[in-house]
Amino acid sequence: MTDAVETRSLLTSVPELADRYDLVVIGSGCAGMTAALVAAQAGASVLVLEKADRLGGTTAAGGGVMWAPDNHLMGSRDFTDTPEDAAAYLRAATGGKLSEEEISWYVSTAAEAVRFLDENTRVDYAPLFRPDYHMEWPGATAGGRGLDHREFDPSVVPGLAETLRPPTYLPLLTMDERDQLHGAAPDPALLAGRAERGVRTMGGALAGALTASAWEAGVVIAAAAPATGLQRDAGKETYSGGWQVTVAGEREITAASVVIASGGFEWSTELTGTLLKFPVTPISAPSNAGDGLKLGLSVGGSFTETTDIWGVPVITAHGAIYDGRPSGRMGNVEATLPGGIVVNSAGRRFVNEALNYHDFSRVFANIDPETSQYANIPAYLVMDSRFVSRYPVAGNPVFSEPAEAPDWMVRADTLAELAQIIGVDPAGLEETVARFNPAAERGEDPEFGRGSSAQDRHLGDPQNLPNPCLAPLADPPFYAVQLHPGALGTAGGLRADMDGRVLDWNGAPLPGLYAAGNCSATVFKDAYPGGGATIGSAVTRAYAAGRHLTRTHLGGDAGV
């Protein structure tokens, strides 16, 4: 893509919006912008509405990786894949939940979406040296299915840098660079240089590249412009106009088609308390309060998979604030590294701490049959002094003296004393560590097999031998932080078909209404085949939606 030369503003205010568009997209994350780009490049007039005053949604706040098997970029780093291998892996990953048609659809459509973005937008993905989550499954690959966005300079569009949602805690590194750190702190000079240049990485780079491309394609973008109402024009089921969208409670805009791509409902205590299996701590954009789900339901859409989340263990002790709301950060890397264990209130380990974050989070749902309470909530990451001297915890610098420990990190000279402070059974913790340490010294974990797989070892410390994920907890004082069941977003919502069309309770599509991203039900049906499955699901369905409305209503192909 060439640099834009237009002088029009990036954002259009609500009063300046036109009365009619071919397509209105609700949400400015990767799903919304992908659908907008497909339609715009086919010649449609497109409006993107963003509820928040910053663009990019949870995409801009997250890691930006997309899981796309058999994509054409894999060969640039000598990775190979086939549709047959990808299908075999997805078949194993989803355990029969996906039909053969759905598996084939995802493999082919995800690859098409990657090619469309690569050839028609500023998106600059590169394959990651990251193995699939289960290398023991048929069709698994050692890398390349996960795509990592290279750094992006938002100055190519005036005002984009200021309008793009900032990251939460993620440093100005690509995901590839972060993976290669193996838990170590990044180079301060590299971070300072990127901050001075104003570039974005990870999800911010993806969101920035998509937004810049949409603006260059003529998409009209409005921020602080929530869609507060949606209704059909009676009897209008053609592309000549079928939907009325209320914007900010003050404007009525007619659209032939609507794509709801407004994020999940993880920040709505009403919805999470009703629909989820256990309480979650979200680390996404706080604007994700279920608006899109409610809009879709209001016009007859159905929902499914609403107990599913994109789960992750989360650390909140450091007191981070994002968008004025208490926030947290992923704790899976800290849990993977040697010299720490994760225990419940009985002082017992309950999971392979190096397990991928999504499957790790599932164990928080376990119920203790004796108490009928959650067996693993609360949970704690317990570490020795060697750990904190080598690895940052929640972004805190490493330290060697106990007095240097942050206030939010619990410290004690003995395991029993630490257990008493955090409310964990002292005898249980002491027994757990006593059983764990001798095997960990040998690089073994007979109980959970930590560090026995390539995916486990990927985020471990390669300098720690014989197992990059295991070391005894032997050097006092000891430290602890609480781990919460967290969510990158909810993964259930509006039921949509393979073309992204919202389905009613009888399974029939609502003409002209589409959904993609976390406001719709995950295409993987609660499976998580590899890092980047969240964006893989979102972008693939959004691309399919844009392709369908383009072919059905415009008669074009937009390069698709």
Protein backbone atom coordinates (compact mmCIF):
# COMPACT_ATOMS: atom_id res chain seq x y z
CA MET A 1 0.00 0.00 0.00
CA THR A 2 1.22 3.52 -0.72
CA ASP A 3 1.08 6.26 1.86
CA ALA A 4 -2.22 8.12 1.93
CA VAL A 5 -2.27 11.59 0.42
CA GLU A 6 -5.83 12.56 1.35
CA THR A 7 -6.45 15.46 3.69
CA ARG A 8 -9.85 14.39 5.02
CA SER A 9 -10.10 13.65 8.72
CA LEU A 10 -9.71 10.14 10.04
CA LEU A 11 -12.90 10.47 12.09
CA THR A 12 -16.32 11.77 11.11
CA SER A 13 -18.54 13.20 13.82
CA VAL A 14 -22.03 11.78 14.34
CA PRO A 15 -23.83 14.91 13.03
CA GLU A 16 -21.76 14.75 9.82
CA LEU A 17 -22.70 11.15 8.98
CA ALA A 18 -24.79 10.45 5.90
CA ASP A 19 -28.31 9.11 6.23
CA ARG A 20 -27.63 5.93 4.24
CA TYR A 21 -24.74 3.51 3.68
CA ASP A 22 -24.54 0.18 1.91
CA LEU A 23 -22.99 -1.33 5.03
CA VAL A 24 -22.82 -0.25 8.66
CA VAL A 25 -20.25 -2.05 10.81
CA ILE A 26 -20.62 -1.87 14.58
CA GLY A 27 -17.17 -2.12 16.19
CA SER A 28 -13.68 -1.10 15.06
CA GLY A 29 -11.61 -4.13 16.07
CA CYS A 30 -10.07 -6.63 13.66
CA ALA A 31 -13.44 -8.23 12.84
CA GLY A 32 -15.23 -4.99 12.06
CA MET A 33 -12.41 -3.52 10.02
CA THR A 34 -11.88 -6.72 8.04
CA ALA A 35 -15.55 -6.86 7.01
CA ALA A 36 -15.47 -3.15 6.20
CA LEU A 37 -12.41 -3.53 3.99
CA VAL A 38 -13.81 -6.43 1.99
CA ALA A 39 -17.01 -4.48 1.29
CA ALA A 40 -15.29 -1.17 0.60
CA GLN A 41 -12.89 -2.68 -1.90
CA ALA A 42 -15.93 -4.02 -3.77
CA GLY A 43 -17.29 -0.49 -4.05
CA ALA A 44 -19.73 -0.39 -1.14
CA SER A 45 -20.22 2.72 0.94
CA VAL A 46 -19.23 1.67 4.48
CA LEU A 47 -19.60 3.24 7.90
CA VAL A 48 -17.77 1.91 10.97
CA LEU A 49 -19.25 2.89 14.33
CA GLU A 50 -17.10 2.68 17.47
CA LYS A 51 -18.68 3.03 20.89
CA ALA A 52 -15.47 4.15 22.64
CA ASP A 53 -13.57 7.35 21.90
CA ARG A 54 -10.56 5.30 20.76
CA LEU A 55 -10.43 2.85 17.87
CA GLY A 56 -9.33 -0.76 17.74
CA GLY A 57 -11.27 -2.45 20.54
CA THR A 58 -9.71 -5.44 22.22
CA THR A 59 -7.59 -6.04 19.11
CA ALA A 60 -5.58 -2.89 19.86
CA ALA A 61 -5.18 -3.88 23.50
CA GLY A 62 -4.04 -7.46 22.86
CA GLY A 63 -1.37 -9.55 21.22
CA GLY A 64 -2.62 -9.43 17.63
CA VAL A 65 -1.67 -13.00 16.69
CA MET A 66 -3.91 -14.83 14.20
CA TRP A 67 -4.05 -18.63 13.99
CA ALA A 68 -4.44 -19.48 10.31
CA PRO A 69 -3.34 -22.93 9.12
CA ASP A 70 -1.98 -23.45 5.61
CA ASN A 71 -1.50 -19.72 5.07
CA HIS A 72 0.67 -18.58 2.18
CA LEU A 73 3.13 -16.74 4.43
CA MET A 74 4.42 -19.89 6.15
CA GLY A 75 7.00 -20.60 3.49
CA SER A 76 8.82 -17.33 4.18
CA ARG A 77 10.23 -19.04 7.25
CA ASP A 78 10.38 -22.53 5.79
CA PHE A 79 7.28 -23.84 7.53
CA THR A 80 5.05 -26.20 5.60
CA ASP A 81 1.41 -27.16 5.90
CA THR A 82 -1.35 -28.82 3.91
CA PRO A 83 -5.14 -28.55 4.06
CA GLU A 84 -5.23 -32.22 5.03
CA ASP A 85 -2.86 -31.74 7.99
CA ALA A 86 -4.69 -28.62 9.09
CA ALA A 87 -8.02 -30.45 8.96
CA ALA A 88 -6.63 -33.39 10.90
CA TYR A 89 -5.35 -31.09 13.62
CA LEU A 90 -8.61 -29.13 13.84
CA ARG A 91 -10.52 -32.41 13.97
CA ALA A 92 -8.48 -33.47 17.00
CA ALA A 93 -8.57 -30.02 18.61
CA THR A 94 -12.33 -29.70 18.44
CA GLY A 95 -13.12 -33.27 19.47
CA GLY A 96 -16.01 -33.80 17.10
CA LYS A 97 -17.73 -30.48 17.82
CA LEU A 98 -17.05 -29.20 14.29
CA SER A 99 -18.47 -30.88 11.21
CA GLU A 100 -16.20 -31.78 8.32
CA GLU A 101 -17.79 -28.93 6.38
CA GLU A 102 -16.98 -26.45 9.13
CA ILE A 103 -13.40 -27.69 9.40
CA SER A 104 -12.87 -27.41 5.66
CA TRP A 105 -14.49 -23.95 5.70
CA TYR A 106 -12.15 -22.65 8.39
CA VAL A 107 -8.97 -24.02 6.81
CA SER A 108 -9.74 -22.56 3.38
CA THR A 109 -11.38 -19.31 4.52
CA ALA A 110 -8.71 -18.39 7.07
CA ALA A 111 -6.04 -18.82 4.41
CA GLU A 112 -8.08 -16.70 1.96
CA ALA A 113 -8.50 -14.00 4.60
CA VAL A 114 -4.75 -13.86 5.22
CA ARG A 115 -4.09 -13.53 1.51
CA PHE A 116 -6.71 -10.80 1.14
CA LEU A 117 -5.20 -8.78 3.99
CA ASP A 118 -1.66 -9.34 2.74
CA GLU A 119 -2.42 -8.28 -0.82
CA ASN A 120 -4.97 -5.51 -0.26
CA THR A 121 -4.13 -3.81 3.03
CA ARG A 122 -1.29 -2.55 5.19
CA VAL A 123 -1.48 -5.64 7.40
CA ASP A 124 2.04 -7.07 7.67
CA TYR A 125 1.90 -10.53 9.20
CA ALA A 126 4.87 -12.88 9.62
CA PRO A 127 4.77 -16.53 10.71
CA LEU A 128 5.72 -17.24 14.31
CA PHE A 129 8.20 -19.85 15.51
CA ARG A 130 5.52 -21.18 17.83
CA PRO A 131 4.32 -24.79 17.91
CA ASP A 132 0.69 -25.79 17.96
CA TYR A 133 -0.65 -26.37 21.45
CA HIS A 134 -0.77 -30.13 21.06
CA MET A 135 2.11 -31.47 19.01
CA GLU A 136 1.00 -35.00 19.83
CA TRP A 137 -2.17 -34.57 17.76
CA PRO A 138 -2.37 -35.55 14.08
CA GLY A 139 -1.46 -32.76 11.69
CA ALA A 140 0.31 -30.56 14.25
CA THR A 141 3.05 -28.19 13.03
CA ALA A 142 6.13 -26.79 14.72
CA GLY A 143 5.29 -23.23 13.70
CA GLY A 144 3.91 -20.88 11.09
CA ARG A 145 0.19 -21.21 11.73
CA GLY A 146 0.38 -18.37 14.21
CA LEU A 147 0.93 -14.99 12.49
CA ASP A 148 2.58 -12.08 14.27
CA HIS A 149 2.23 -8.49 13.12
CA ARG A 150 5.40 -6.54 12.48
CA GLU A 151 5.72 -3.06 13.98
CA PHE A 152 3.48 -0.41 12.44
CA ASP A 153 3.88 3.35 12.22
CA PRO A 154 0.45 5.00 12.64
CA SER A 155 1.74 8.35 11.39
CA VAL A 156 0.84 7.24 7.84
CA VAL A 157 -2.65 8.57 8.62
CA PRO A 158 -2.92 11.95 10.39
CA GLY A 159 -4.51 11.55 13.79
CA LEU A 160 -4.37 7.75 13.89
CA ALA A 161 -1.71 7.58 16.61
CA GLU A 162 -3.84 9.68 18.93
CA THR A 163 -7.08 7.91 18.05
CA LEU A 164 -5.89 4.31 18.31
CA ARG A 165 -6.63 2.57 21.61
CA PRO A 166 -3.41 2.27 23.68
CA PRO A 167 -2.04 -1.10 24.81
CA THR A 168 -2.77 -2.29 28.32
CA TYR A 169 0.51 -3.68 29.65
CA LEU A 170 2.10 -5.25 26.58
CA PRO A 171 5.54 -3.77 25.80
CA LEU A 172 6.49 -2.37 22.40
CA LEU A 173 7.71 -5.75 21.18
CA THR A 174 6.48 -8.01 18.45
CA MET A 175 5.12 -11.30 19.75
CA ASP A 176 8.06 -13.06 18.15
CA GLU A 177 10.47 -10.86 20.12
CA ARG A 178 8.51 -11.44 23.32
CA ASP A 179 8.54 -15.20 22.84
CA GLN A 180 12.31 -15.18 22.41
CA LEU A 181 12.80 -13.46 25.78
CA HIS A 182 11.64 -16.59 27.65
CA GLY A 183 10.41 -14.53 30.57
CA ALA A 184 13.36 -12.11 30.71
CA ALA A 185 12.95 -8.33 30.67
CA PRO A 186 13.07 -6.60 27.25
CA ASP A 187 15.84 -4.25 26.18
CA PRO A 188 14.96 -0.78 27.57
CA ALA A 189 16.77 0.95 24.70
CA LEU A 190 14.67 -0.92 22.13
CA LEU A 191 11.46 0.03 23.91
CA ALA A 192 12.52 3.65 24.31
CA GLY A 193 13.43 3.92 20.65
CA ARG A 194 10.09 2.58 19.52
CA ALA A 195 8.21 4.82 21.92
CA GLU A 196 10.08 7.84 20.56
CA ARG A 197 9.19 6.87 16.99
CA GLY A 198 5.56 6.33 17.97
CA VAL A 199 5.25 2.88 16.45
CA ARG A 200 2.84 0.19 17.63
CA THR A 201 3.37 -3.54 17.93
CA MET A 202 1.25 -6.65 18.46
CA GLY A 203 -2.50 -5.94 18.46
CA GLY A 204 -1.97 -2.20 18.21
CA ALA A 205 -0.03 -2.73 15.00
CA LEU A 206 -2.78 -4.92 13.55
CA ALA A 207 -5.54 -2.51 14.55
CA GLY A 208 -3.54 0.43 13.22
CA ALA A 209 -2.83 -1.23 9.90
CA LEU A 210 -6.48 -2.22 9.44
CA THR A 211 -7.75 1.24 10.38
CA ALA A 212 -5.31 2.99 8.06
CA SER A 213 -6.29 0.67 5.24
CA ALA A 214 -10.00 1.21 5.85
CA TRP A 215 -9.58 4.99 5.81
CA GLU A 216 -7.58 4.79 2.59
CA ALA A 217 -10.34 2.65 1.08
CA GLY A 218 -12.89 5.37 1.79
CA VAL A 219 -14.53 3.82 4.85
CA VAL A 220 -16.22 6.42 7.05
CA ILE A 221 -15.20 5.97 10.70
CA ALA A 222 -16.96 7.46 13.72
CA ALA A 223 -15.73 7.17 17.32
CA ALA A 224 -17.75 7.89 20.46
CA ALA A 225 -20.64 6.72 18.28
CA PRO A 226 -22.37 3.75 19.94
CA ALA A 227 -25.07 1.87 18.09
CA THR A 228 -27.94 2.19 20.54
CA GLY A 229 -30.72 0.68 18.45
CA LEU A 230 -31.31 -1.68 15.56
CA GLN A 231 -34.49 -2.50 13.68
CA ARG A 232 -35.61 -3.81 10.31
CA ASP A 233 -37.44 -1.74 7.74
CA ALA A 234 -40.64 -3.71 7.36
CA GLY A 235 -40.74 -5.73 4.14
CA LYS A 236 -37.29 -4.69 2.94
CA GLU A 237 -35.06 -7.71 2.45
CA THR A 238 -32.94 -6.57 -0.48
CA TYR A 239 -29.74 -4.62 -0.65
CA SER A 240 -31.73 -1.48 -1.48
CA GLY A 241 -32.11 -0.93 2.23
CA GLY A 242 -33.16 -3.14 5.10
CA TRP A 243 -31.94 -1.87 8.49
CA GLN A 244 -32.21 1.19 10.67
CA VAL A 245 -29.30 1.81 13.04
CA THR A 246 -29.67 4.34 15.83
CA VAL A 247 -26.37 6.08 16.60
CA ALA A 248 -25.72 7.62 20.02
CA GLY A 249 -29.45 7.79 20.59
CA GLU A 250 -29.75 10.72 18.18
CA ARG A 251 -29.26 9.66 14.54
CA GLU A 252 -31.14 7.14 12.43
CA ILE A 253 -29.03 5.68 9.65
CA THR A 254 -30.33 3.31 6.98
CA ALA A 255 -28.14 0.40 5.92
CA ALA A 256 -28.68 -2.37 3.45
CA SER A 257 -26.50 -4.65 5.57
CA VAL A 258 -25.18 -4.52 9.12
CA VAL A 259 -22.18 -6.36 10.59
CA ILE A 260 -22.20 -6.53 14.38
CA ALA A 261 -18.56 -6.80 15.49
CA SER A 262 -18.65 -4.99 18.81
CA GLY A 263 -16.81 -7.38 21.12
CA GLY A 264 -17.98 -9.68 23.88
CA PHE A 265 -19.81 -9.17 27.17
CA GLU A 266 -16.99 -9.80 29.65
CA TRP A 267 -17.32 -6.36 31.28
CA SER A 268 -21.04 -6.76 31.98
CA THR A 269 -21.50 -8.17 35.48
CA GLU A 270 -25.16 -8.81 34.65
CA LEU A 271 -24.36 -10.96 31.63
CA THR A 272 -21.27 -12.72 33.01
CA GLY A 273 -23.06 -13.54 36.25
CA THR A 274 -25.88 -15.11 34.25
CA LEU A 275 -24.07 -16.83 31.38
CA LEU A 276 -20.57 -17.85 32.50
CA LYS A 277 -19.52 -20.88 34.53
CA PHE A 278 -17.31 -18.94 36.96
CA PRO A 279 -16.35 -15.33 37.70
CA VAL A 280 -13.74 -13.83 35.39
CA THR A 281 -11.35 -10.89 35.48
CA PRO A 282 -11.37 -9.35 31.99
CA ILE A 283 -8.26 -7.76 30.50
CA SER A 284 -9.86 -6.55 27.27
CA ALA A 285 -11.33 -3.21 26.25
CA PRO A 286 -13.75 -2.15 29.03
CA SER A 287 -16.25 -1.05 26.39
CA ASN A 288 -17.09 -4.73 25.81
CA ALA A 289 -20.34 -4.89 27.74
CA GLY A 290 -22.49 -7.02 25.44
CA ASP A 291 -24.00 -4.23 23.34
CA GLY A 292 -23.82 -6.20 20.11
CA LEU A 293 -25.31 -9.32 21.67
CA LYS A 294 -28.26 -7.29 22.94
CA LEU A 295 -28.77 -5.62 19.57
CA GLY A 296 -28.81 -8.95 17.77
CA LEU A 297 -31.23 -10.48 20.24
CA SER A 298 -33.53 -7.47 19.95
CA VAL A 299 -34.19 -8.21 16.28
CA GLY A 300 -34.70 -11.95 16.62
CA GLY A 301 -31.16 -13.31 16.56
CA SER A 302 -30.29 -16.39 18.60
CA PHE A 303 -27.20 -17.10 20.67
CA THR A 304 -25.02 -20.09 21.54
CA GLU A 305 -21.79 -21.11 23.28
CA THR A 306 -22.37 -18.37 25.87
CA THR A 307 -20.50 -20.20 28.63
CA ASP A 308 -17.30 -20.09 26.54
CA ILE A 309 -14.47 -17.64 27.11
CA TRP A 310 -11.04 -16.98 25.68
CA GLY A 311 -9.59 -17.82 29.08
CA VAL A 312 -6.27 -16.96 30.69
CA PRO A 313 -4.79 -16.81 34.20
CA VAL A 314 -4.53 -13.16 35.24
CA ILE A 315 -2.44 -11.24 37.78
CA THR A 316 -4.08 -8.10 39.23
CA ALA A 317 -2.03 -7.51 42.36
CA HIS A 318 0.07 -4.80 40.73
CA GLY A 319 -2.95 -2.50 40.68
CA ALA A 320 -3.03 -1.61 36.99
CA ILE A 321 -5.78 0.66 35.66
CA TYR A 322 -7.00 0.68 32.06
CA ASP A 323 -9.65 3.06 30.76
CA GLY A 324 -10.28 4.02 34.37
CA ARG A 325 -11.11 0.42 35.32
CA PRO A 326 -9.05 -2.03 37.43
CA SER A 327 -7.20 -4.30 35.03
CA GLY A 328 -4.70 -7.13 35.01
CA ARG A 329 -2.23 -8.93 32.85
CA MET A 330 -1.70 -12.46 31.62
CA GLY A 331 0.19 -14.58 34.14
CA ASN A 332 0.83 -17.65 32.01
CA VAL A 333 4.51 -16.87 31.34
CA GLU A 334 5.27 -16.42 35.04
CA ALA A 335 3.46 -19.69 35.79
CA THR A 336 5.51 -21.52 33.16
CA LEU A 337 8.95 -20.46 34.36
CA PRO A 338 11.09 -22.62 36.71
CA GLY A 339 11.07 -21.93 40.44
CA GLY A 340 7.36 -21.39 40.91
CA ILE A 341 4.19 -23.42 41.33
CA VAL A 342 0.47 -22.62 41.30
CA VAL A 343 -1.61 -23.87 44.23
CA ASN A 344 -5.19 -23.61 45.45
CA SER A 345 -6.37 -22.80 48.98
CA ALA A 346 -5.57 -26.36 50.07
CA GLY A 347 -1.95 -25.72 49.11
CA ARG A 348 -2.17 -28.27 46.30
CA ARG A 349 -1.09 -27.94 42.69
CA PHE A 350 -4.01 -28.53 40.35
CA VAL A 351 -2.68 -28.09 36.82
CA ASN A 352 0.39 -28.24 34.61
CA GLU A 353 1.44 -24.61 35.05
CA ALA A 354 3.01 -24.55 31.56
CA LEU A 355 -0.22 -25.61 29.88
CA ASN A 356 -1.51 -23.18 27.26
CA TYR A 357 -3.42 -20.36 28.93
CA HIS A 358 -6.83 -21.29 27.52
CA ASP A 359 -6.78 -24.87 28.77
CA PHE A 360 -5.22 -23.71 32.05
CA SER A 361 -8.21 -21.45 32.63
CA ARG A 362 -10.69 -24.31 32.26
CA VAL A 363 -9.52 -25.82 35.54
CA PHE A 364 -10.81 -22.82 37.46
CA ALA A 365 -14.31 -24.15 36.83
CA ASN A 366 -13.71 -27.32 38.88
CA ILE A 367 -15.98 -27.75 41.89
CA ASP A 368 -14.88 -29.32 45.19
CA PRO A 369 -17.56 -32.00 45.79
CA GLU A 370 -17.13 -31.76 49.57
CA THR A 371 -17.68 -28.02 49.84
CA SER A 372 -19.60 -27.32 46.60
CA GLN A 373 -17.26 -24.34 46.16
CA TYR A 374 -14.77 -23.66 43.38
CA ALA A 375 -11.84 -25.97 44.08
CA ASN A 376 -9.22 -23.70 42.49
CA ILE A 377 -10.48 -20.20 43.21
CA PRO A 378 -8.54 -18.52 44.70
CA ALA A 379 -5.20 -19.67 43.30
CA TYR A 380 -1.69 -18.41 43.98
CA LEU A 381 1.61 -18.38 42.17
CA VAL A 382 4.25 -19.25 44.79
CA MET A 383 7.90 -18.46 43.97
CA ASP A 384 11.28 -18.59 45.67
CA SER A 385 13.91 -15.85 45.78
CA ARG A 386 15.80 -17.34 42.84
CA PHE A 387 12.70 -16.90 40.69
CA VAL A 388 12.18 -13.20 41.45
CA SER A 389 15.88 -12.50 40.91
CA ARG A 390 15.67 -13.88 37.38
CA TYR A 391 12.20 -13.21 36.02
CA PRO A 392 9.95 -10.12 36.10
CA VAL A 393 6.56 -10.70 37.71
CA ALA A 394 3.68 -8.65 36.31
CA GLY A 395 6.26 -6.35 34.72
CA ASN A 396 8.03 -5.63 38.00
CA PRO A 397 11.84 -5.51 37.64
CA VAL A 398 13.81 -8.44 38.97
CA PHE A 399 15.28 -7.96 42.44
CA SER A 400 17.67 -9.72 44.79
CA GLU A 401 16.98 -8.09 48.14
CA PRO A 402 13.68 -8.76 49.94
CA ALA A 403 13.32 -5.05 50.69
CA GLU A 404 13.10 -4.44 46.93
CA ALA A 405 9.94 -6.52 46.58
CA PRO A 406 6.87 -4.52 45.51
CA ASP A 407 4.18 -3.90 48.12
CA TRP A 408 1.68 -6.04 46.23
CA MET A 409 3.86 -9.18 46.39
CA VAL A 410 3.41 -11.23 49.56
CA ARG A 411 6.70 -12.25 51.20
CA ALA A 412 7.63 -14.61 54.03
CA ASP A 413 10.71 -16.43 55.28
CA THR A 414 9.00 -19.81 55.38
CA LEU A 415 6.39 -21.55 53.29
CA ALA A 416 4.17 -22.03 56.34
CA GLU A 417 4.24 -18.33 57.15
CA LEU A 418 3.55 -17.43 53.49
CA ALA A 419 0.60 -19.82 53.45
CA GLN A 420 -0.90 -18.27 56.56
CA ILE A 421 -0.68 -14.77 55.09
CA ILE A 422 -2.42 -15.68 51.83
CA GLY A 423 -4.99 -17.97 53.41
CA VAL A 424 -3.62 -21.27 52.10
CA ASP A 425 -3.37 -24.44 54.19
CA PRO A 426 0.23 -24.39 55.55
CA ALA A 427 0.60 -28.16 55.86
CA GLY A 428 -0.76 -28.64 52.35
CA LEU A 429 1.70 -26.16 50.84
CA GLU A 430 4.68 -27.59 52.70
CA GLU A 431 3.76 -31.12 51.66
CA THR A 432 3.25 -30.04 48.04
CA VAL A 433 6.66 -28.36 47.82
CA ALA A 434 8.38 -31.25 49.59
CA ARG A 435 6.94 -33.65 47.01
CA PHE A 436 7.57 -31.31 44.07
CA ASN A 437 11.21 -30.34 44.73
CA PRO A 438 13.15 -33.64 44.35
CA ALA A 439 11.50 -34.44 41.01
CA ALA A 440 11.88 -30.84 39.81
CA GLU A 441 15.59 -31.04 40.57
CA ARG A 442 15.73 -33.95 38.12
CA GLY A 443 13.64 -32.01 35.59
CA GLU A 444 10.58 -34.18 36.14
CA ASP A 445 6.97 -33.58 37.13
CA PRO A 446 5.33 -36.96 37.77
CA GLU A 447 2.04 -35.33 38.79
CA PHE A 448 1.30 -33.14 35.75
CA GLY A 449 4.14 -33.59 33.24
CA ARG A 450 5.15 -29.93 33.22
CA GLY A 451 7.77 -29.19 30.60
CA SER A 452 7.31 -32.52 28.81
CA SER A 453 5.92 -31.03 25.57
CA ALA A 454 7.32 -28.66 22.97
CA GLN A 455 4.56 -26.13 23.71
CA ASP A 456 5.36 -26.23 27.45
CA ARG A 457 9.04 -25.61 26.79
CA HIS A 458 8.40 -22.84 24.24
CA LEU A 459 7.89 -20.20 26.95
CA GLY A 460 10.26 -21.76 29.49
CA ASP A 461 13.84 -20.72 30.26
CA PRO A 462 16.19 -22.58 27.87
CA GLN A 463 19.11 -21.84 30.21
CA ASN A 464 17.46 -23.87 32.95
CA LEU A 465 18.41 -27.51 32.45
CA PRO A 466 17.39 -30.26 32.19
CA ASN A 467 13.82 -28.87 32.05
CA PRO A 468 13.22 -25.21 31.08
CA CYS A 469 9.97 -25.19 33.08
CA LEU A 470 11.06 -26.82 36.34
CA ALA A 471 13.24 -25.91 39.31
CA PRO A 472 12.72 -26.59 43.01
CA LEU A 473 11.40 -23.91 45.36
CA ALA A 474 14.41 -23.97 47.65
CA ASP A 475 15.73 -20.47 48.30
CA PRO A 476 13.90 -18.38 50.92
CA PRO A 477 12.33 -15.94 51.31
CA PHE A 478 9.27 -17.06 49.41
CA TYR A 479 6.82 -14.86 47.47
CA ALA A 480 3.25 -15.15 46.23
CA VAL A 481 0.74 -13.35 44.01
CA GLN A 482 -2.84 -14.33 43.36
CA LEU A 483 -3.86 -15.74 39.97
CA HIS A 484 -7.43 -15.08 38.86
CA PRO A 485 -9.48 -16.79 36.19
CA GLY A 486 -9.32 -14.17 33.46
CA ALA A 487 -10.69 -13.55 30.00
CA LEU A 488 -9.26 -12.04 26.85
CA GLY A 489 -12.93 -11.88 25.91
CA THR A 490 -16.07 -13.95 25.96
CA ALA A 491 -16.30 -16.51 23.16
CA GLY A 492 -20.04 -17.08 22.94
CA GLY A 493 -22.72 -14.87 21.49
CA LEU A 494 -24.85 -14.45 18.41
CA ARG A 495 -25.23 -17.64 16.41
CA ALA A 496 -23.94 -17.20 12.88
CA ASP A 497 -23.46 -19.49 9.91
CA MET A 498 -20.33 -19.95 7.82
CA ASP A 499 -21.18 -16.79 5.87
CA GLY A 500 -21.40 -14.82 9.10
CA ARG A 501 -25.18 -14.40 8.80
CA VAL A 502 -26.99 -14.07 12.14
CA LEU A 503 -29.45 -16.93 12.61
CA ASP A 504 -32.83 -16.78 14.28
CA TRP A 505 -34.09 -19.38 16.76
CA ASN A 506 -35.26 -21.58 13.90
CA GLY A 507 -31.81 -21.53 12.29
CA ALA A 508 -32.84 -19.23 9.46
CA PRO A 509 -30.59 -16.26 8.54
CA LEU A 510 -31.79 -12.72 9.19
CA PRO A 511 -31.32 -11.14 5.73
CA GLY A 512 -28.60 -8.52 5.69
CA LEU A 513 -27.51 -9.00 9.31
CA TYR A 514 -24.07 -10.44 10.07
CA ALA A 515 -21.93 -10.93 13.16
CA ALA A 516 -18.21 -11.54 13.67
CA GLY A 517 -15.70 -11.38 16.50
CA ASN A 518 -16.47 -11.93 20.16
CA CYS A 519 -20.07 -10.75 19.92
CA SER A 520 -20.66 -13.94 17.92
CA ALA A 521 -20.09 -17.50 19.01
CA THR A 522 -16.56 -18.80 18.43
CA VAL A 523 -16.11 -20.80 15.27
CA PHE A 524 -14.11 -23.33 17.32
CA LYS A 525 -16.94 -24.13 19.78
CA ASP A 526 -14.83 -23.69 22.94
CA ALA A 527 -11.71 -25.33 21.50
CA TYR A 528 -8.43 -23.42 21.29
CA PRO A 529 -6.21 -24.98 18.62
CA GLY A 530 -3.31 -22.54 18.93
CA GLY A 531 -2.15 -19.09 19.95
CA GLY A 532 -4.15 -16.54 17.97
CA ALA A 533 -7.37 -18.56 17.84
CA THR A 534 -9.35 -15.55 19.05
CA ILE A 535 -8.32 -13.32 16.15
CA GLY A 536 -8.37 -16.30 13.80
CA SER A 537 -12.05 -16.84 14.59
CA ALA A 538 -12.84 -13.12 14.34
CA VAL A 539 -11.03 -12.29 11.11
CA THR A 540 -12.08 -15.46 9.31
CA ARG A 541 -15.79 -15.01 10.01
CA ALA A 542 -15.58 -11.26 9.27
CA TYR A 543 -13.92 -11.98 5.93
CA ALA A 544 -16.62 -14.53 5.15
CA ALA A 545 -19.33 -12.02 6.05
CA GLY A 546 -17.79 -9.32 3.86
CA ARG A 547 -17.39 -11.79 1.01
CA HIS A 548 -21.00 -12.96 1.28
CA LEU A 549 -22.63 -9.54 1.42
CA THR A 550 -20.36 -8.41 -1.42
CA ARG A 551 -21.23 -11.30 -3.70
CA THR A 552 -24.90 -11.39 -2.73
CA HIS A 553 -25.71 -7.71 -2.76
CA LEU A 554 -23.07 -6.00 -4.88
CA GLY A 555 -22.25 -8.65 -7.44
CA GLY A 556 -18.53 -8.01 -7.03
CA ASP A 557 -15.63 -10.04 -5.78
CA ALA A 558 -13.32 -7.42 -4.16
CA GLY A 559 -10.36 -9.66 -4.83
CA VAL A 560 -12.05 -12.47 -2.89
